């Protein structure tokens, strides 16, 4: 499968999941268990991205101080209850800026 076909399929899948999410009834979305799971999703997503980044340097785990600083900023933003997008953007920008400066 070509790169563009993969991007299009992934985009359609993400759109479908989003559509399903907004189509769910309010009674289901207001359930305490659903609320609890939804509150844990940002942490799970950030953990998955960190794990992926650590393994991106080949088949060995690599961790440098730039990545640690980005993770720390992302964790601080999560602790301050910022949105998931803000958490990711702050962590990414911090890591990229520190790598550019160093």
N, C-alpha and C. Protein backbone atom coordinates (compact mmCIF):
# COMPACT_ATOMS: atom_id res chain seq x y z
N UNK A 1 0.86 -1.17 0.00
CA UNK A 1 0.00 0.00 0.00
C UNK A 1 0.90 1.24 0.00
N UNK A 2 0.57 2.20 -0.83
CA UNK A 2 1.40 3.40 -0.92
C UNK A 2 1.23 4.27 0.32
N UNK A 3 2.13 5.19 0.48
CA UNK A 3 2.09 6.08 1.65
C UNK A 3 0.81 6.91 1.67
N UNK A 4 0.42 7.45 0.53
CA UNK A 4 -0.78 8.28 0.49
C UNK A 4 -2.04 7.46 0.74
N UNK A 5 -2.07 6.26 0.25
CA UNK A 5 -3.23 5.40 0.52
C UNK A 5 -3.33 5.10 2.01
N UNK A 6 -2.20 4.87 2.65
CA UNK A 6 -2.18 4.62 4.09
C UNK A 6 -2.66 5.85 4.85
N UNK A 7 -2.22 7.02 4.44
CA UNK A 7 -2.64 8.27 5.11
C UNK A 7 -4.14 8.47 4.94
N UNK A 8 -4.65 8.23 3.75
CA UNK A 8 -6.09 8.42 3.50
C UNK A 8 -6.92 7.43 4.30
N UNK A 9 -6.51 6.17 4.33
CA UNK A 9 -7.24 5.15 5.10
C UNK A 9 -7.22 5.49 6.59
N UNK A 10 -6.07 5.90 7.09
CA UNK A 10 -5.96 6.27 8.50
C UNK A 10 -6.82 7.49 8.81
N UNK A 11 -6.84 8.45 7.92
CA UNK A 11 -7.66 9.65 8.11
C UNK A 11 -9.15 9.31 8.14
N UNK A 12 -9.57 8.46 7.22
CA UNK A 12 -10.97 8.05 7.21
C UNK A 12 -11.34 7.27 8.48
N UNK A 13 -10.42 6.43 8.93
CA UNK A 13 -10.66 5.70 10.18
C UNK A 13 -10.79 6.63 11.37
N UNK A 14 -9.93 7.64 11.44
CA UNK A 14 -10.00 8.62 12.53
C UNK A 14 -11.30 9.42 12.46
N UNK A 15 -11.69 9.80 11.26
CA UNK A 15 -12.94 10.54 11.10
C UNK A 15 -14.13 9.67 11.52
N UNK A 16 -14.09 8.40 11.15
CA UNK A 16 -15.18 7.49 11.54
C UNK A 16 -15.27 7.33 13.05
N UNK A 17 -14.13 7.20 13.71
CA UNK A 17 -14.14 7.10 15.17
C UNK A 17 -14.69 8.38 15.81
N UNK A 18 -14.31 9.52 15.27
CA UNK A 18 -14.80 10.80 15.78
C UNK A 18 -16.31 10.89 15.57
N UNK A 19 -16.79 10.46 14.41
CA UNK A 19 -18.21 10.50 14.12
C UNK A 19 -19.00 9.59 15.06
N UNK A 20 -18.45 8.42 15.33
CA UNK A 20 -19.09 7.51 16.28
C UNK A 20 -19.15 8.15 17.66
N UNK A 21 -18.07 8.82 18.06
CA UNK A 21 -18.01 9.45 19.38
C UNK A 21 -19.05 10.53 19.57
N UNK A 22 -19.26 11.36 18.56
CA UNK A 22 -20.25 12.44 18.70
C UNK A 22 -21.67 11.94 18.48
N UNK A 23 -21.82 10.73 17.96
CA UNK A 23 -23.14 10.18 17.72
C UNK A 23 -23.68 9.39 18.90
N UNK A 24 -22.86 9.15 19.91
CA UNK A 24 -23.30 8.38 21.07
C UNK A 24 -24.31 9.18 21.89
N UNK A 25 -25.28 8.51 22.48
CA UNK A 25 -26.28 9.22 23.28
C UNK A 25 -25.67 9.81 24.55
N UNK A 26 -26.26 10.90 25.03
CA UNK A 26 -25.77 11.60 26.22
C UNK A 26 -25.82 10.70 27.45
N UNK A 27 -26.78 9.80 27.51
CA UNK A 27 -26.88 8.91 28.67
C UNK A 27 -25.66 8.00 28.79
N UNK A 28 -25.11 7.60 27.66
CA UNK A 28 -23.91 6.77 27.68
C UNK A 28 -22.67 7.59 28.02
N UNK A 29 -22.57 8.78 27.44
CA UNK A 29 -21.40 9.62 27.67
C UNK A 29 -21.34 10.14 29.11
N UNK A 30 -22.48 10.26 29.76
CA UNK A 30 -22.51 10.74 31.14
C UNK A 30 -22.28 9.66 32.17
N UNK A 31 -22.15 8.41 31.74
CA UNK A 31 -21.95 7.31 32.67
C UNK A 31 -20.60 7.48 33.38
N UNK A 32 -20.54 7.24 34.70
CA UNK A 32 -19.28 7.45 35.45
C UNK A 32 -18.10 6.64 34.92
N UNK A 33 -18.33 5.41 34.50
CA UNK A 33 -17.23 4.60 33.99
C UNK A 33 -16.66 5.18 32.69
N UNK A 34 -17.54 5.66 31.83
CA UNK A 34 -17.09 6.28 30.58
C UNK A 34 -16.31 7.56 30.89
N UNK A 35 -16.78 8.34 31.84
CA UNK A 35 -16.09 9.56 32.24
C UNK A 35 -14.69 9.25 32.78
N UNK A 36 -14.60 8.19 33.58
CA UNK A 36 -13.29 7.81 34.16
C UNK A 36 -12.31 7.37 33.08
N UNK A 37 -12.78 6.54 32.15
CA UNK A 37 -11.92 6.09 31.06
C UNK A 37 -11.48 7.28 30.21
N UNK A 38 -12.41 8.19 29.92
CA UNK A 38 -12.07 9.36 29.10
C UNK A 38 -11.05 10.25 29.79
N UNK A 39 -11.08 10.31 31.10
CA UNK A 39 -10.10 11.13 31.81
C UNK A 39 -8.71 10.51 31.79
N UNK A 40 -8.61 9.20 31.59
CA UNK A 40 -7.32 8.52 31.56
C UNK A 40 -6.70 8.45 30.16
N UNK A 41 -7.48 8.73 29.13
CA UNK A 41 -6.98 8.62 27.76
C UNK A 41 -5.80 9.53 27.45
N UNK A 42 -5.77 10.80 27.89
CA UNK A 42 -4.59 11.62 27.58
C UNK A 42 -3.29 11.03 28.14
N UNK A 43 -3.34 10.49 29.33
CA UNK A 43 -2.14 9.89 29.91
C UNK A 43 -1.71 8.68 29.10
N UNK A 44 -2.66 7.87 28.68
CA UNK A 44 -2.34 6.69 27.87
C UNK A 44 -1.74 7.11 26.52
N UNK A 45 -2.30 8.15 25.91
CA UNK A 45 -1.78 8.62 24.62
C UNK A 45 -0.36 9.16 24.77
N UNK A 46 -0.12 9.94 25.81
CA UNK A 46 1.21 10.49 26.03
C UNK A 46 2.21 9.38 26.30
N UNK A 47 1.81 8.37 27.06
CA UNK A 47 2.69 7.23 27.33
C UNK A 47 3.03 6.48 26.05
N UNK A 48 2.04 6.30 25.20
CA UNK A 48 2.27 5.61 23.93
C UNK A 48 3.23 6.40 23.04
N UNK A 49 3.07 7.71 23.00
CA UNK A 49 3.98 8.52 22.19
C UNK A 49 5.40 8.51 22.75
N UNK A 50 5.53 8.53 24.05
CA UNK A 50 6.86 8.47 24.65
C UNK A 50 7.53 7.14 24.33
N UNK A 51 6.79 6.06 24.47
CA UNK A 51 7.34 4.73 24.19
C UNK A 51 7.75 4.62 22.72
N UNK A 52 6.93 5.15 21.83
CA UNK A 52 7.26 5.14 20.41
C UNK A 52 8.52 5.95 20.13
N UNK A 53 8.63 7.11 20.76
CA UNK A 53 9.80 7.96 20.55
C UNK A 53 11.06 7.30 21.09
N UNK A 54 10.96 6.62 22.21
CA UNK A 54 12.13 5.97 22.78
C UNK A 54 12.65 4.86 21.88
N UNK A 55 11.76 4.17 21.20
CA UNK A 55 12.18 3.08 20.33
C UNK A 55 12.48 3.50 18.91
N UNK A 56 12.33 4.79 18.59
CA UNK A 56 12.51 5.25 17.21
C UNK A 56 13.96 5.27 16.77
N UNK A 57 14.89 5.20 17.69
CA UNK A 57 16.31 5.29 17.33
C UNK A 57 16.90 3.91 17.05
N UNK A 58 16.19 3.09 16.35
CA UNK A 58 16.67 1.74 16.06
C UNK A 58 15.97 0.74 16.95
N UNK A 59 16.67 -0.32 17.28
CA UNK A 59 16.08 -1.36 18.11
C UNK A 59 16.51 -1.24 19.57
N UNK A 60 17.15 -0.14 19.90
CA UNK A 60 17.55 0.10 21.28
C UNK A 60 16.78 1.30 21.80
N UNK A 61 16.54 1.30 23.09
CA UNK A 61 15.92 2.47 23.69
C UNK A 61 16.95 3.57 23.82
N UNK A 62 16.57 4.76 23.46
CA UNK A 62 17.46 5.90 23.64
C UNK A 62 16.68 7.02 24.29
N UNK A 63 17.32 7.69 25.20
CA UNK A 63 16.66 8.77 25.92
C UNK A 63 17.70 9.85 26.17
N UNK A 64 17.44 11.03 25.66
CA UNK A 64 18.36 12.13 25.89
C UNK A 64 17.67 13.20 26.73
N UNK A 65 18.43 14.18 27.14
CA UNK A 65 17.88 15.20 28.03
C UNK A 65 16.85 16.08 27.33
N UNK A 66 16.93 16.20 26.00
CA UNK A 66 15.94 16.98 25.25
C UNK A 66 14.56 16.34 25.38
N UNK A 67 14.54 15.02 25.20
CA UNK A 67 13.28 14.28 25.31
C UNK A 67 12.74 14.34 26.73
N UNK A 68 13.63 14.18 27.70
CA UNK A 68 13.19 14.26 29.10
C UNK A 68 12.59 15.62 29.43
N UNK A 69 13.19 16.68 28.92
CA UNK A 69 12.65 18.02 29.16
C UNK A 69 11.27 18.17 28.51
N UNK A 70 11.11 17.65 27.30
CA UNK A 70 9.80 17.70 26.63
C UNK A 70 8.74 16.92 27.39
N UNK A 71 9.12 15.75 27.88
CA UNK A 71 8.20 14.94 28.68
C UNK A 71 7.83 15.67 29.97
N UNK A 72 8.81 16.31 30.59
CA UNK A 72 8.54 17.05 31.83
C UNK A 72 7.56 18.19 31.58
N UNK A 73 7.75 18.92 30.50
CA UNK A 73 6.83 20.01 30.17
C UNK A 73 5.44 19.46 29.87
N UNK A 74 5.37 18.35 29.14
CA UNK A 74 4.08 17.72 28.86
C UNK A 74 3.40 17.24 30.13
N UNK A 75 4.16 16.66 31.04
CA UNK A 75 3.59 16.19 32.31
C UNK A 75 3.09 17.37 33.14
N UNK A 76 3.84 18.46 33.13
CA UNK A 76 3.40 19.65 33.86
C UNK A 76 2.11 20.20 33.27
N UNK A 77 2.02 20.22 31.95
CA UNK A 77 0.79 20.69 31.31
C UNK A 77 -0.39 19.77 31.63
N UNK A 78 -0.15 18.46 31.68
CA UNK A 78 -1.21 17.52 32.07
C UNK A 78 -1.64 17.77 33.51
N UNK A 79 -0.67 17.99 34.37
CA UNK A 79 -0.97 18.25 35.78
C UNK A 79 -1.78 19.53 35.93
N UNK A 80 -1.53 20.52 35.07
CA UNK A 80 -2.26 21.78 35.10
C UNK A 80 -3.59 21.67 34.35
N UNK A 81 -3.93 20.46 33.93
CA UNK A 81 -5.20 20.14 33.26
C UNK A 81 -5.40 20.89 31.94
N UNK A 82 -4.34 20.96 31.16
CA UNK A 82 -4.43 21.54 29.83
C UNK A 82 -4.98 20.48 28.88
N UNK A 83 -5.48 20.93 27.73
CA UNK A 83 -6.04 19.99 26.76
C UNK A 83 -4.93 19.12 26.17
N UNK A 84 -5.33 18.01 25.61
CA UNK A 84 -4.37 17.06 25.04
C UNK A 84 -3.55 17.71 23.93
N UNK A 85 -4.19 18.51 23.11
CA UNK A 85 -3.48 19.19 22.03
C UNK A 85 -2.42 20.13 22.59
N UNK A 86 -2.76 20.88 23.61
CA UNK A 86 -1.79 21.80 24.22
C UNK A 86 -0.63 21.02 24.84
N UNK A 87 -0.93 19.90 25.50
CA UNK A 87 0.11 19.06 26.10
C UNK A 87 1.09 18.59 25.04
N UNK A 88 0.57 18.07 23.93
CA UNK A 88 1.43 17.57 22.87
C UNK A 88 2.25 18.69 22.25
N UNK A 89 1.60 19.82 21.97
CA UNK A 89 2.31 20.92 21.33
C UNK A 89 3.42 21.47 22.23
N UNK A 90 3.15 21.59 23.52
CA UNK A 90 4.19 22.07 24.43
C UNK A 90 5.36 21.09 24.52
N UNK A 91 5.06 19.81 24.62
CA UNK A 91 6.12 18.80 24.71
C UNK A 91 6.95 18.76 23.43
N UNK A 92 6.28 18.79 22.31
CA UNK A 92 6.98 18.75 21.01
C UNK A 92 7.82 20.01 20.82
N UNK A 93 7.23 21.16 21.09
CA UNK A 93 7.95 22.42 20.90
C UNK A 93 9.16 22.51 21.82
N UNK A 94 9.00 22.07 23.06
CA UNK A 94 10.12 22.10 24.00
C UNK A 94 11.26 21.21 23.52
N UNK A 95 10.94 19.99 23.14
CA UNK A 95 11.97 19.06 22.67
C UNK A 95 12.65 19.60 21.41
N UNK A 96 11.87 20.08 20.45
CA UNK A 96 12.44 20.59 19.21
C UNK A 96 13.31 21.82 19.44
N UNK A 97 12.84 22.72 20.29
CA UNK A 97 13.60 23.93 20.57
C UNK A 97 14.94 23.60 21.24
N UNK A 98 14.90 22.70 22.21
CA UNK A 98 16.14 22.33 22.89
C UNK A 98 17.10 21.60 21.97
N UNK A 99 16.59 20.79 21.07
CA UNK A 99 17.48 20.11 20.11
C UNK A 99 18.07 21.10 19.11
N UNK A 100 17.29 22.11 18.76
CA UNK A 100 17.78 23.13 17.83
C UNK A 100 18.87 23.99 18.46
N UNK A 101 18.69 24.34 19.72
CA UNK A 101 19.64 25.21 20.42
C UNK A 101 20.92 24.47 20.74
N UNK A 102 20.80 23.20 21.15
CA UNK A 102 21.98 22.44 21.59
C UNK A 102 22.83 21.95 20.43
